[in-house]
Every structure is written in structure tokens, then in C-alpha cells.
Amino acid sequence: MNTFTWLLKREYWEHRGGFQWAPLIAAGVILAVFTIGALTGVNAAQSNLHDAVINNVKLGDIAAAMTPEQRAQVGGALDVALFFSAAPIAITLAIVTFFYLLGSLYDDRRDRSMLFWKSLPISDLQTVLSKVVTATVVAPLFALAASLVMMLGLLLVLSLVVMFYGANPVTVIWGPASPLKVLGKLTLLLPLNALWALPSIGWLMLCSAWARSKPFLWATLLPVSVATCISIFDAVTKLRLPDSWFWQHIVFRALFSIFPGGWLDFEGLERRMDDKGPEVLLNALDLQTLFAPLGSVNLWLGVAAGIGMISAAIWLRRWRDDN
């Protein structure tokens, strides 16, 4: 166990820039854009006095007159905004993880450092699994920490705007909003995202262990080329080949399952949001919704395929000799 812990520390030390700083930079960019937008809105409000100032109505008076139901709606809207604000960080995490997995086994062979690691009492199984755990647990935890910092920063900037209009931010912002609840929802998504990402993890690591050069081209062009050939052959011969199925369940799962939330039923959520409002999104991400995909055959077939490809990557790392 101590050896495995040191392997995880090695992965963090070697890829600190991607795991730690990339999500923080993404969070900083979001905060900067939001702050600029808030300052622009305040300046516009100062130069264009509307009915709220003409009628001597302050935001604090409006907030004081709000009913509990209205406060709950404001809180729901804030929570949904915080939830969606984490999307750029999730995309950044996916991109970093994508290229980390592509180089996870290839870089050791390219710089011959694999010879050093093989001289140590560390098995190939431990080495590969440490990289899988880094991609599915360690990197997402850093992204969650960056998301929490960003959410608190957004609420702080919004509090300053509310104070400018004469309202109490504790009553208007911090009371209705639930950043920890949003963070808890994001945390609950980690295990399901990890299972869903296994096909991409397995495929990228397999290409990293197998390719003698340019693993990115092998990982992307091979499935895309096969899918394109199937589509062209189907269009020419009219044999009704399952080209759309191949694109969705092979190409997409192999390359894009690494992006968090790919298992969500976005069409169903959109219908529910149209009927009940955007605040239904966070309520929809309850335990029943989170565990529902676990009964999907598609999910477990992907898990089995991912485990199979990870096993093949372990075998290749043990026996592959580029010399």
C-alpha cells in the first residue's frame, strides 16, 4: 500500500501543472470574466437610472418583501448557476486527463525511464493502476477543490454587487444559495463518471502502451477512420450497416467518455426544466438519478471493455520492447 501511495505521489509530482494549476487557471478565468461582467453591469446601472431608482425602490426593500417560496426560487437559480459554472473546469479536467493518459505509458518508453522503474520492486499492475486511479480520483479531486474556490469567489463578487444596490448579501445571496450542496452533488458524480470513463481510459492507455510514436494520431484516427469507412461503405452499398451505432458506442465512448456527465439523459432533463424551471436540475441529480445508469447494459459493457483494454495495456507494458 505504501508503494502504491508513492506511485500516486509520483504521478502528482510529474503532472502537477495539469492536475493542480490547470483547473485553478480555468476557475480564475471564469472569475475574471464574471467580475468584468458585474462591473460593466454596475456602470450601466449608474448611467441609466431605471424605475427602481425613480420610484425610490431599493433592492433591499425588494429582498425584504420576498416570500419564502421566492427565496427558494432565488436559491435554486443561484445553485443552478454555480453548477453550470463548473462546466469549464470539468472540460479542462477532461482535456488534461485525455493527454495525460495518452502519455502515461508512452513517455516512459520514449525517454527510457521505464528501464529505471522496472529495476525497482514495482509491478506493472501497480504502475498502470496508479495511473488509472490518478485519472479517476486524484485529478477530479483537484478539479472539485478549484470548483469550490470558484463558487465562493462568484458568490463574493455577487455579494459586492448586491451591497452596491443597498441589499444585505447574507439575506439575498448566502442564505438562499447552497454552494456546499452543489459541491456535494458534483462529488456524488465522481464514481459514476469514473465508471463511464473506463472505455476512454482503457483505449487511451492501450494506445499509449502500444504506439511506437504519435499515440494521439493512433488513438483518434484509427476509430474515426474505421467509422468513416463503414459509413461510406454503407452509403454506397445500401446494406444498412450500423454506422451510427459504431459512431455512438465505439468512437464516442473511446474518445469522449472521459468528459464528465456523458451518461446524463440531457433530453429528459431539458424536458423537465421546460416544465418546472431550471432549479429542477439539481433536484433531478438525486441518488435515484445517480444510480439509475448503473442498471444500464451500455455502461457495464463499457466498463468490461475498459477493463479489458487496461489489462492489455498492462500486458504490453510488461512485454513490449522498443529496442
C-alpha atoms as a PDB file:
ATOM      1  CA  MET A   1       0.000   0.000   0.000  1.00  0.00           C
ATOM      2  CA  ASN A   2       2.879   2.351   0.794  1.00  0.00           C
ATOM      3  CA  THR A   3       4.369   1.625  -2.631  1.00  0.00           C
ATOM      4  CA  PHE A   4       1.085   2.441  -4.338  1.00  0.00           C
ATOM      5  CA  THR A   5       0.829   5.706  -2.396  1.00  0.00           C
ATOM      6  CA  TRP A   6       4.299   6.700  -3.585  1.00  0.00           C
ATOM      7  CA  LEU A   7       3.301   5.875  -7.143  1.00  0.00           C
ATOM      8  CA  LEU A   8       0.349   8.249  -6.808  1.00  0.00           C
ATOM      9  CA  LYS A   9       2.661  10.925  -5.434  1.00  0.00           C
ATOM     10  CA  ARG A  10       4.949  10.372  -8.406  1.00  0.00           C
ATOM     11  CA  GLU A  11       2.091  10.954 -10.821  1.00  0.00           C
ATOM     12  CA  TYR A  12       1.144  14.148  -8.998  1.00  0.00           C
ATOM     13  CA  TRP A  13       4.705  15.471  -8.911  1.00  0.00           C
ATOM     14  CA  GLU A  14       5.244  14.800 -12.600  1.00  0.00           C
ATOM     15  CA  HIS A  15       1.897  16.284 -13.709  1.00  0.00           C
ATOM     16  CA  ARG A  16       1.267  18.976 -11.099  1.00  0.00           C
ATOM     17  CA  GLY A  17       0.791  21.636 -13.742  1.00  0.00           C
ATOM     18  CA  GLY A  18      -2.119  19.836 -15.367  1.00  0.00           C
ATOM     19  CA  PHE A  19      -3.808  18.449 -12.273  1.00  0.00           C
ATOM     20  CA  GLN A  20      -3.402  21.391  -9.903  1.00  0.00           C
ATOM     21  CA  TRP A  21      -2.872  24.554 -11.879  1.00  0.00           C
ATOM     22  CA  ALA A  22      -4.999  23.975 -14.979  1.00  0.00           C
ATOM     23  CA  PRO A  23      -8.315  23.808 -13.011  1.00  0.00           C
ATOM     24  CA  LEU A  24      -7.252  26.810 -10.916  1.00  0.00           C
ATOM     25  CA  ILE A  25      -6.430  28.801 -14.052  1.00  0.00           C
ATOM     26  CA  ALA A  26      -9.825  27.866 -15.525  1.00  0.00           C
ATOM     27  CA  ALA A  27     -11.503  28.975 -12.282  1.00  0.00           C
ATOM     28  CA  GLY A  28      -9.555  32.243 -12.361  1.00  0.00           C
ATOM     29  CA  VAL A  29     -10.636  32.926 -15.947  1.00  0.00           C
ATOM     30  CA  ILE A  30     -14.293  32.336 -15.020  1.00  0.00           C
ATOM     31  CA  LEU A  31     -13.984  34.659 -12.027  1.00  0.00           C
ATOM     32  CA  ALA A  32     -12.290  37.332 -14.135  1.00  0.00           C
ATOM     33  CA  VAL A  33     -14.994  37.193 -16.828  1.00  0.00           C
ATOM     34  CA  PHE A  34     -17.769  37.279 -14.217  1.00  0.00           C
ATOM     35  CA  THR A  35     -16.149  40.209 -12.395  1.00  0.00           C
ATOM     36  CA  ILE A  36     -15.775  42.189 -15.609  1.00  0.00           C
ATOM     37  CA  GLY A  37     -19.415  41.492 -16.449  1.00  0.00           C
ATOM     38  CA  ALA A  38     -20.536  42.561 -12.972  1.00  0.00           C
ATOM     39  CA  LEU A  39     -18.530  45.812 -13.159  1.00  0.00           C
ATOM     40  CA  THR A  40     -19.973  46.504 -16.595  1.00  0.00           C
ATOM     41  CA  GLY A  41     -23.484  45.966 -15.263  1.00  0.00           C
ATOM     42  CA  VAL A  42     -22.888  48.282 -12.310  1.00  0.00           C
ATOM     43  CA  ASN A  43     -21.545  51.014 -14.583  1.00  0.00           C
ATOM     44  CA  ALA A  44     -24.547  50.620 -16.888  1.00  0.00           C
ATOM     45  CA  ALA A  45     -26.891  50.890 -13.913  1.00  0.00           C
ATOM     46  CA  GLN A  46     -25.202  54.092 -12.782  1.00  0.00           C
ATOM     47  CA  SER A  47     -25.528  55.744 -16.188  1.00  0.00           C
ATOM     48  CA  ASN A  48     -29.098  54.516 -16.875  1.00  0.00           C
ATOM     49  CA  LEU A  49     -31.298  55.029 -13.822  1.00  0.00           C
ATOM     50  CA  HIS A  50     -34.423  52.938 -14.212  1.00  0.00           C
ATOM     51  CA  ASP A  51     -37.670  52.558 -12.347  1.00  0.00           C
ATOM     52  CA  ALA A  52     -36.024  51.148  -9.248  1.00  0.00           C
ATOM     53  CA  VAL A  53     -34.282  54.467  -8.626  1.00  0.00           C
ATOM     54  CA  ILE A  54     -37.005  56.729  -9.999  1.00  0.00           C
ATOM     55  CA  ASN A  55     -39.599  55.258  -7.667  1.00  0.00           C
ATOM     56  CA  ASN A  56     -37.056  55.196  -4.817  1.00  0.00           C
ATOM     57  CA  VAL A  57     -37.299  51.422  -4.559  1.00  0.00           C
ATOM     58  CA  LYS A  58     -34.159  49.687  -3.294  1.00  0.00           C
ATOM     59  CA  LEU A  59     -33.106  46.114  -3.793  1.00  0.00           C
ATOM     60  CA  GLY A  60     -33.044  45.693  -0.010  1.00  0.00           C
ATOM     61  CA  ASP A  61     -36.733  46.548   0.164  1.00  0.00           C
ATOM     62  CA  ILE A  62     -37.496  44.044  -2.594  1.00  0.00           C
ATOM     63  CA  ALA A  63     -35.491  41.359  -0.808  1.00  0.00           C
ATOM     64  CA  ALA A  64     -37.239  42.061   2.487  1.00  0.00           C
ATOM     65  CA  ALA A  65     -40.632  41.639   0.823  1.00  0.00           C
ATOM     66  CA  MET A  66     -39.779  38.288  -0.733  1.00  0.00           C
ATOM     67  CA  THR A  67     -41.790  35.261   0.350  1.00  0.00           C
ATOM     68  CA  PRO A  68     -40.092  32.003   1.409  1.00  0.00           C
ATOM     69  CA  GLU A  69     -41.100  30.458  -1.917  1.00  0.00           C
ATOM     70  CA  GLN A  70     -39.465  33.312  -3.813  1.00  0.00           C
ATOM     71  CA  ARG A  71     -36.302  32.976  -1.733  1.00  0.00           C
ATOM     72  CA  ALA A  72     -36.240  29.258  -2.544  1.00  0.00           C
ATOM     73  CA  GLN A  73     -36.530  30.078  -6.253  1.00  0.00           C
ATOM     74  CA  VAL A  74     -33.646  32.547  -5.982  1.00  0.00           C
ATOM     75  CA  GLY A  75     -31.579  29.919  -4.188  1.00  0.00           C
ATOM     76  CA  GLY A  76     -32.409  27.339  -6.841  1.00  0.00           C
ATOM     77  CA  ALA A  77     -31.373  29.736  -9.615  1.00  0.00           C
ATOM     78  CA  LEU A  78     -28.101  30.519  -7.828  1.00  0.00           C
ATOM     79  CA  ASP A  79     -27.357  26.816  -7.300  1.00  0.00           C
ATOM     80  CA  VAL A  80     -28.010  26.021 -10.952  1.00  0.00           C
ATOM     81  CA  ALA A  81     -25.728  28.897 -11.984  1.00  0.00           C
ATOM     82  CA  LEU A  82     -22.999  27.585  -9.676  1.00  0.00           C
ATOM     83  CA  PHE A  83     -23.480  24.063 -11.037  1.00  0.00           C
ATOM     84  CA  PHE A  84     -23.092  25.168 -14.647  1.00  0.00           C
ATOM     85  CA  SER A  85     -20.178  27.460 -13.783  1.00  0.00           C
ATOM     86  CA  ALA A  86     -18.150  24.312 -13.010  1.00  0.00           C
ATOM     87  CA  ALA A  87     -18.561  23.084 -16.612  1.00  0.00           C
ATOM     88  CA  PRO A  88     -15.411  24.860 -17.947  1.00  0.00           C
ATOM     89  CA  ILE A  89     -13.382  23.297 -15.126  1.00  0.00           C
ATOM     90  CA  ALA A  90     -14.811  19.862 -15.995  1.00  0.00           C
ATOM     91  CA  ILE A  91     -13.887  20.391 -19.649  1.00  0.00           C
ATOM     92  CA  THR A  92     -10.388  21.462 -18.631  1.00  0.00           C
ATOM     93  CA  LEU A  93     -10.101  18.358 -16.452  1.00  0.00           C
ATOM     94  CA  ALA A  94     -11.175  16.143 -19.362  1.00  0.00           C
ATOM     95  CA  ILE A  95      -8.624  17.659 -21.751  1.00  0.00           C
ATOM     96  CA  VAL A  96      -5.806  17.371 -19.197  1.00  0.00           C
ATOM     97  CA  THR A  97      -6.757  13.766 -18.410  1.00  0.00           C
ATOM     98  CA  PHE A  98      -7.019  12.889 -22.104  1.00  0.00           C
ATOM     99  CA  PHE A  99      -3.420  13.886 -22.854  1.00  0.00           C
ATOM    100  CA  TYR A 100      -2.178  12.547 -19.517  1.00  0.00           C
ATOM    101  CA  LEU A 101      -3.487   9.079 -20.401  1.00  0.00           C
ATOM    102  CA  LEU A 102      -2.052   9.268 -23.919  1.00  0.00           C
ATOM    103  CA  GLY A 103       1.400   9.842 -22.493  1.00  0.00           C
ATOM    104  CA  SER A 104       1.018   7.728 -19.363  1.00  0.00           C
ATOM    105  CA  LEU A 105       2.808   4.661 -20.749  1.00  0.00           C
ATOM    106  CA  TYR A 106       4.327   6.089 -23.925  1.00  0.00           C
ATOM    107  CA  ASP A 107       6.509   8.749 -22.235  1.00  0.00           C
ATOM    108  CA  ASP A 108       8.252   6.172 -20.034  1.00  0.00           C
ATOM    109  CA  ARG A 109       9.261   4.234 -23.146  1.00  0.00           C
ATOM    110  CA  ARG A 110      10.256   7.305 -25.118  1.00  0.00           C
ATOM    111  CA  ASP A 111      12.730   8.664 -22.532  1.00  0.00           C
ATOM    112  CA  ARG A 112      13.760   5.141 -21.398  1.00  0.00           C
ATOM    113  CA  SER A 113      12.826   5.920 -17.787  1.00  0.00           C
ATOM    114  CA  MET A 114      10.790   2.710 -17.849  1.00  0.00           C
ATOM    115  CA  LEU A 115      14.068   0.811 -17.502  1.00  0.00           C
ATOM    116  CA  PHE A 116      14.653   2.529 -14.176  1.00  0.00           C
ATOM    117  CA  TRP A 117      11.146   1.852 -12.887  1.00  0.00           C
ATOM    118  CA  LYS A 118      11.340  -1.780 -13.974  1.00  0.00           C
ATOM    119  CA  SER A 119      14.503  -2.154 -11.916  1.00  0.00           C
ATOM    120  CA  LEU A 120      12.506  -1.345  -8.788  1.00  0.00           C
ATOM    121  CA  PRO A 121      10.267  -3.850  -6.981  1.00  0.00           C
ATOM    122  CA  ILE A 122       7.166  -2.354  -8.578  1.00  0.00           C
ATOM    123  CA  SER A 123       4.862  -4.464 -10.694  1.00  0.00           C
ATOM    124  CA  ASP A 124       3.382  -3.349 -13.985  1.00  0.00           C
ATOM    125  CA  LEU A 125      -0.053  -3.838 -12.443  1.00  0.00           C
ATOM    126  CA  GLN A 126       0.713  -1.328  -9.695  1.00  0.00           C
ATOM    127  CA  THR A 127       2.155   1.167 -12.152  1.00  0.00           C
ATOM    128  CA  VAL A 128      -0.803   1.069 -14.531  1.00  0.00           C
ATOM    129  CA  LEU A 129      -3.412   1.074 -11.766  1.00  0.00           C
ATOM    130  CA  SER A 130      -1.753   4.095 -10.150  1.00  0.00           C
ATOM    131  CA  LYS A 131      -2.271   5.980 -13.399  1.00  0.00           C
ATOM    132  CA  VAL A 132      -5.905   4.834 -13.595  1.00  0.00           C
ATOM    133  CA  VAL A 133      -6.553   5.978 -10.017  1.00  0.00           C
ATOM    134  CA  THR A 134      -4.832   9.281 -10.747  1.00  0.00           C
ATOM    135  CA  ALA A 135      -7.119   9.872 -13.729  1.00  0.00           C
ATOM    136  CA  THR A 136     -10.338   8.816 -11.959  1.00  0.00           C
ATOM    137  CA  VAL A 137      -9.774  10.043  -8.379  1.00  0.00           C
ATOM    138  CA  VAL A 138      -6.799  12.351  -7.878  1.00  0.00           C
ATOM    139  CA  ALA A 139      -7.346  14.689 -10.835  1.00  0.00           C
ATOM    140  CA  PRO A 140     -11.131  15.061 -10.213  1.00  0.00           C
ATOM    141  CA  LEU A 141     -10.474  15.928  -6.549  1.00  0.00           C
ATOM    142  CA  PHE A 142      -8.237  18.819  -7.601  1.00  0.00           C
ATOM    143  CA  ALA A 143     -10.953  19.946 -10.011  1.00  0.00           C
ATOM    144  CA  LEU A 144     -13.516  19.833  -7.194  1.00  0.00           C
ATOM    145  CA  ALA A 145     -11.265  21.971  -4.995  1.00  0.00           C
ATOM    146  CA  ALA A 146     -10.893  24.509  -7.819  1.00  0.00           C
ATOM    147  CA  SER A 147     -14.684  24.462  -8.326  1.00  0.00           C
ATOM    148  CA  LEU A 148     -15.278  25.247  -4.650  1.00  0.00           C
ATOM    149  CA  VAL A 149     -12.846  28.166  -4.773  1.00  0.00           C
ATOM    150  CA  MET A 150     -14.536  29.458  -7.915  1.00  0.00           C
ATOM    151  CA  MET A 151     -18.051  29.147  -6.444  1.00  0.00           C
ATOM    152  CA  LEU A 152     -17.089  31.052  -3.302  1.00  0.00           C
ATOM    153  CA  GLY A 153     -15.412  33.703  -5.456  1.00  0.00           C
ATOM    154  CA  LEU A 154     -18.516  34.088  -7.630  1.00  0.00           C
ATOM    155  CA  LEU A 155     -20.742  34.480  -4.573  1.00  0.00           C
ATOM    156  CA  LEU A 156     -18.327  37.020  -3.111  1.00  0.00           C
ATOM    157  CA  VAL A 157     -18.376  39.138  -6.270  1.00  0.00           C
ATOM    158  CA  LEU A 158     -22.162  38.846  -6.427  1.00  0.00           C
ATOM    159  CA  SER A 159     -22.346  39.899  -2.766  1.00  0.00           C
ATOM    160  CA  LEU A 160     -20.409  43.080  -3.534  1.00  0.00           C
ATOM    161  CA  VAL A 161     -22.822  43.865  -6.361  1.00  0.00           C
ATOM    162  CA  VAL A 162     -25.803  43.303  -4.072  1.00  0.00           C
ATOM    163  CA  MET A 163     -24.245  45.544  -1.395  1.00  0.00           C
ATOM    164  CA  PHE A 164     -23.816  48.253  -4.034  1.00  0.00           C
ATOM    165  CA  TYR A 165     -27.580  48.227  -4.544  1.00  0.00           C
ATOM    166  CA  GLY A 166     -28.214  48.515  -0.809  1.00  0.00           C
ATOM    167  CA  ALA A 167     -29.194  44.938  -0.004  1.00  0.00           C
ATOM    168  CA  ASN A 168     -27.863  42.527   2.608  1.00  0.00           C
ATOM    169  CA  PRO A 169     -25.820  39.810   0.809  1.00  0.00           C
ATOM    170  CA  VAL A 170     -26.314  37.394   3.686  1.00  0.00           C
ATOM    171  CA  THR A 171     -30.076  37.514   3.167  1.00  0.00           C
ATOM    172  CA  VAL A 172     -30.110  37.755  -0.619  1.00  0.00           C
ATOM    173  CA  ILE A 173     -27.119  35.585  -1.610  1.00  0.00           C
ATOM    174  CA  TRP A 174     -25.572  33.449   1.104  1.00  0.00           C
ATOM    175  CA  GLY A 175     -28.848  32.444   2.722  1.00  0.00           C
ATOM    176  CA  PRO A 176     -30.662  31.083  -0.373  1.00  0.00           C
ATOM    177  CA  ALA A 177     -27.550  29.728  -2.141  1.00  0.00           C
ATOM    178  CA  SER A 178     -26.088  26.341  -1.237  1.00  0.00           C
ATOM    179  CA  PRO A 179     -22.549  26.038  -2.669  1.00  0.00           C
ATOM    180  CA  LEU A 180     -21.749  23.070  -0.433  1.00  0.00           C
ATOM    181  CA  LYS A 181     -24.871  21.293  -1.693  1.00  0.00           C
ATOM    182  CA  VAL A 182     -23.757  21.895  -5.274  1.00  0.00           C
ATOM    183  CA  LEU A 183     -20.271  20.628  -4.421  1.00  0.00           C
ATOM    184  CA  GLY A 184     -21.831  17.564  -2.805  1.00  0.00           C
ATOM    185  CA  LYS A 185     -23.762  16.838  -5.997  1.00  0.00           C
ATOM    186  CA  LEU A 186     -20.564  17.141  -8.021  1.00  0.00           C
ATOM    187  CA  THR A 187     -18.789  14.816  -5.577  1.00  0.00           C
ATOM    188  CA  LEU A 188     -21.533  12.206  -5.922  1.00  0.00           C
ATOM    189  CA  LEU A 189     -20.915  12.210  -9.671  1.00  0.00           C
ATOM    190  CA  LEU A 190     -17.286  11.095  -9.316  1.00  0.00           C
ATOM    191  CA  PRO A 191     -17.834   7.298  -9.066  1.00  0.00           C
ATOM    192  CA  LEU A 192     -20.297   7.243 -11.952  1.00  0.00           C
ATOM    193  CA  ASN A 193     -18.067   9.451 -14.096  1.00  0.00           C
ATOM    194  CA  ALA A 194     -15.158   7.110 -13.361  1.00  0.00           C
ATOM    195  CA  LEU A 195     -17.119   4.054 -14.492  1.00  0.00           C
ATOM    196  CA  TRP A 196     -18.373   5.844 -17.584  1.00  0.00           C
ATOM    197  CA  ALA A 197     -14.837   6.976 -18.473  1.00  0.00           C
ATOM    198  CA  LEU A 198     -13.286   3.488 -18.364  1.00  0.00           C
ATOM    199  CA  PRO A 199     -13.629   2.845 -22.147  1.00  0.00           C
ATOM    200  CA  SER A 200     -11.726   6.052 -22.896  1.00  0.00           C
ATOM    201  CA  ILE A 201      -9.181   5.342 -20.165  1.00  0.00           C
ATOM    202  CA  GLY A 202      -8.584   1.817 -21.447  1.00  0.00           C
ATOM    203  CA  TRP A 203      -8.359   2.845 -25.097  1.00  0.00           C
ATOM    204  CA  LEU A 204      -6.000   5.776 -24.488  1.00  0.00           C
ATOM    205  CA  MET A 205      -3.722   3.719 -22.228  1.00  0.00           C
ATOM    206  CA  LEU A 206      -3.721   0.858 -24.716  1.00  0.00           C
ATOM    207  CA  CYS A 207      -2.614   3.219 -27.486  1.00  0.00           C
ATOM    208  CA  SER A 208      -0.046   4.743 -25.122  1.00  0.00           C
ATOM    209  CA  ALA A 209       1.397   1.297 -24.392  1.00  0.00           C
ATOM    210  CA  TRP A 210       1.286   0.074 -27.990  1.00  0.00           C
ATOM    211  CA  ALA A 211       2.216   3.020 -30.244  1.00  0.00           C
ATOM    212  CA  ARG A 212       5.883   3.423 -31.110  1.00  0.00           C
ATOM    213  CA  SER A 213       5.273   7.083 -31.965  1.00  0.00           C
ATOM    214  CA  LYS A 214       2.441   9.624 -32.189  1.00  0.00           C
ATOM    215  CA  PRO A 215      -0.071   7.907 -29.863  1.00  0.00           C
ATOM    216  CA  PHE A 216      -2.532  10.779 -30.384  1.00  0.00           C
ATOM    217  CA  LEU A 217      -2.874  10.000 -34.077  1.00  0.00           C
ATOM    218  CA  TRP A 218      -3.322   6.283 -33.422  1.00  0.00           C
ATOM    219  CA  ALA A 219      -5.924   6.918 -30.705  1.00  0.00           C
ATOM    220  CA  THR A 220      -8.016   9.322 -32.757  1.00  0.00           C
ATOM    221  CA  LEU A 221      -7.527   8.446 -36.422  1.00  0.00           C
ATOM    222  CA  LEU A 222      -7.917   4.679 -36.065  1.00  0.00           C
ATOM    223  CA  PRO A 223     -11.509   4.628 -34.712  1.00  0.00           C
ATOM    224  CA  VAL A 224     -12.539   7.651 -36.790  1.00  0.00           C
ATOM    225  CA  SER A 225     -11.144   6.088 -39.973  1.00  0.00           C
ATOM    226  CA  VAL A 226     -12.889   2.778 -39.342  1.00  0.00           C
ATOM    227  CA  ALA A 227     -16.203   4.545 -38.624  1.00  0.00           C
ATOM    228  CA  THR A 228     -15.819   6.699 -41.744  1.00  0.00           C
ATOM    229  CA  CYS A 229     -15.133   3.642 -43.914  1.00  0.00           C
ATOM    230  CA  ILE A 230     -18.218   1.906 -42.506  1.00  0.00           C
ATOM    231  CA  SER A 231     -20.361   4.992 -43.217  1.00  0.00           C
ATOM    232  CA  ILE A 232     -19.057   5.333 -46.780  1.00  0.00           C
ATOM    233  CA  PHE A 233     -19.453   1.624 -47.473  1.00  0.00           C
ATOM    234  CA  ASP A 234     -22.993   1.741 -46.098  1.00  0.00           C
ATOM    235  CA  ALA A 235     -23.874   4.764 -48.258  1.00  0.00           C
ATOM    236  CA  VAL A 236     -22.526   3.066 -51.393  1.00  0.00           C
ATOM    237  CA  THR A 237     -23.869  -0.451 -50.893  1.00  0.00           C
ATOM    238  CA  LYS A 238     -27.145   0.394 -49.076  1.00  0.00           C
ATOM    239  CA  LEU A 239     -26.592  -2.564 -46.746  1.00  0.00           C
ATOM    240  CA  ARG A 240     -27.852  -0.609 -43.724  1.00  0.00           C
ATOM    241  CA  LEU A 241     -24.719  -1.206 -41.701  1.00  0.00           C
ATOM    242  CA  PRO A 242     -24.821   0.027 -38.093  1.00  0.00           C
ATOM    243  CA  ASP A 243     -22.607   3.045 -38.816  1.00  0.00           C
ATOM    244  CA  SER A 244     -24.475   5.388 -36.447  1.00  0.00           C
ATOM    245  CA  TRP A 245     -24.225   2.760 -33.707  1.00  0.00           C
ATOM    246  CA  PHE A 246     -20.480   2.465 -34.340  1.00  0.00           C
ATOM    247  CA  TRP A 247     -20.014   6.241 -34.095  1.00  0.00           C
ATOM    248  CA  GLN A 248     -22.031   6.499 -30.886  1.00  0.00           C
ATOM    249  CA  HIS A 249     -20.956   3.395 -28.980  1.00  0.00           C
ATOM    250  CA  ILE A 250     -17.398   2.866 -30.242  1.00  0.00           C
ATOM    251  CA  VAL A 251     -15.890   6.154 -31.423  1.00  0.00           C
ATOM    252  CA  PHE A 252     -17.678   8.405 -28.954  1.00  0.00           C
ATOM    253  CA  ARG A 253     -17.157   6.101 -25.987  1.00  0.00           C
ATOM    254  CA  ALA A 254     -13.486   5.523 -26.842  1.00  0.00           C
ATOM    255  CA  LEU A 255     -12.611   9.206 -27.237  1.00  0.00           C
ATOM    256  CA  PHE A 256     -15.152  11.276 -25.317  1.00  0.00           C
ATOM    257  CA  SER A 257     -16.285   9.201 -22.343  1.00  0.00           C
ATOM    258  CA  ILE A 258     -13.539  10.961 -20.422  1.00  0.00           C
ATOM    259  CA  PHE A 259     -15.735  14.085 -20.353  1.00  0.00           C
ATOM    260  CA  PRO A 260     -17.792  14.159 -17.114  1.00  0.00           C
ATOM    261  CA  GLY A 261     -21.556  13.813 -17.345  1.00  0.00           C
ATOM    262  CA  GLY A 262     -21.671  11.999 -20.673  1.00  0.00           C
ATOM    263  CA  TRP A 263     -24.063   9.455 -19.146  1.00  0.00           C
ATOM    264  CA  LEU A 264     -26.742  12.082 -18.384  1.00  0.00           C
ATOM    265  CA  ASP A 265     -30.086  11.999 -20.193  1.00  0.00           C
ATOM    266  CA  PHE A 266     -29.889  15.600 -21.395  1.00  0.00           C
ATOM    267  CA  GLU A 267     -33.129  15.384 -23.397  1.00  0.00           C
ATOM    268  CA  GLY A 268     -35.051  14.209 -20.338  1.00  0.00           C
ATOM    269  CA  LEU A 269     -33.531  16.930 -18.151  1.00  0.00           C
ATOM    270  CA  GLU A 270     -34.370  19.547 -20.766  1.00  0.00           C
ATOM    271  CA  ARG A 271     -37.998  18.447 -20.823  1.00  0.00           C
ATOM    272  CA  ARG A 272     -38.196  18.611 -17.030  1.00  0.00           C
ATOM    273  CA  MET A 273     -36.569  22.051 -17.000  1.00  0.00           C
ATOM    274  CA  ASP A 274     -39.100  23.313 -19.558  1.00  0.00           C
ATOM    275  CA  ASP A 275     -41.956  22.089 -17.366  1.00  0.00           C
ATOM    276  CA  LYS A 276     -40.713  23.050 -13.902  1.00  0.00           C
ATOM    277  CA  GLY A 277     -37.862  25.538 -14.334  1.00  0.00           C
ATOM    278  CA  PRO A 278     -34.071  25.290 -14.194  1.00  0.00           C
ATOM    279  CA  GLU A 279     -33.974  24.661 -10.438  1.00  0.00           C
ATOM    280  CA  VAL A 280     -35.269  21.142 -11.134  1.00  0.00           C
ATOM    281  CA  LEU A 281     -31.798  20.229 -12.438  1.00  0.00           C
ATOM    282  CA  LEU A 282     -30.143  19.902  -9.044  1.00  0.00           C
ATOM    283  CA  ASN A 283     -33.179  18.113  -7.617  1.00  0.00           C
ATOM    284  CA  ALA A 284     -33.027  15.706 -10.546  1.00  0.00           C
ATOM    285  CA  LEU A 285     -29.478  14.744  -9.602  1.00  0.00           C
ATOM    286  CA  ASP A 286     -30.643  12.721  -6.622  1.00  0.00           C
ATOM    287  CA  LEU A 287     -29.481   9.256  -5.623  1.00  0.00           C
ATOM    288  CA  GLN A 288     -32.091   7.625  -7.846  1.00  0.00           C
ATOM    289  CA  THR A 289     -30.813   9.511 -10.885  1.00  0.00           C
ATOM    290  CA  LEU A 290     -27.193   8.835  -9.992  1.00  0.00           C
ATOM    291  CA  PHE A 291     -27.731   5.109  -9.530  1.00  0.00           C
ATOM    292  CA  ALA A 292     -30.111   4.650 -12.480  1.00  0.00           C
ATOM    293  CA  PRO A 293     -27.297   4.362 -15.088  1.00  0.00           C
ATOM    294  CA  LEU A 294     -25.811   1.534 -13.013  1.00  0.00           C
ATOM    295  CA  GLY A 295     -28.608  -0.635 -14.377  1.00  0.00           C
ATOM    296  CA  SER A 296     -27.667   0.187 -17.960  1.00  0.00           C
ATOM    297  CA  VAL A 297     -26.165  -2.606 -20.041  1.00  0.00           C
ATOM    298  CA  ASN A 298     -24.346   0.041 -22.095  1.00  0.00           C
ATOM    299  CA  LEU A 299     -22.499   1.267 -19.003  1.00  0.00           C
ATOM    300  CA  TRP A 300     -21.305  -2.167 -17.912  1.00  0.00           C
ATOM    301  CA  LEU A 301     -20.315  -3.217 -21.413  1.00  0.00           C
ATOM    302  CA  GLY A 302     -18.144  -0.110 -21.489  1.00  0.00           C
ATOM    303  CA  VAL A 303     -16.709  -0.987 -18.074  1.00  0.00           C
ATOM    304  CA  ALA A 304     -15.866  -4.502 -19.272  1.00  0.00           C
ATOM    305  CA  ALA A 305     -14.271  -3.154 -22.456  1.00  0.00           C
ATOM    306  CA  GLY A 306     -12.290  -0.611 -20.442  1.00  0.00           C
ATOM    307  CA  ILE A 307     -11.002  -3.258 -18.009  1.00  0.00           C
ATOM    308  CA  GLY A 308     -10.053  -5.484 -20.936  1.00  0.00           C
ATOM    309  CA  MET A 309      -8.064  -2.717 -22.628  1.00  0.00           C
ATOM    310  CA  ILE A 310      -6.381  -1.743 -19.347  1.00  0.00           C
ATOM    311  CA  SER A 311      -5.384  -5.396 -18.904  1.00  0.00           C
ATOM    312  CA  ALA A 312      -3.958  -5.390 -22.421  1.00  0.00           C
ATOM    313  CA  ALA A 313      -2.018  -2.211 -21.600  1.00  0.00           C
ATOM    314  CA  ILE A 314      -0.542  -3.935 -18.529  1.00  0.00           C
ATOM    315  CA  TRP A 315       0.498  -6.909 -20.672  1.00  0.00           C
ATOM    316  CA  LEU A 316       2.039  -4.649 -23.308  1.00  0.00           C
ATOM    317  CA  ARG A 317       4.000  -2.691 -20.724  1.00  0.00           C
ATOM    318  CA  ARG A 318       5.377  -5.944 -19.345  1.00  0.00           C
ATOM    319  CA  TRP A 319       6.454  -7.462 -22.651  1.00  0.00           C
ATOM    320  CA  ARG A 320       6.793  -4.581 -25.117  1.00  0.00           C
ATOM    321  CA  ASP A 321      10.434  -3.879 -26.030  1.00  0.00           C
ATOM    322  CA  ASP A 322      11.001  -0.956 -28.390  1.00  0.00           C
ATOM    323  CA  ASN A 323      14.711  -1.662 -28.535  1.00  0.00           C
END
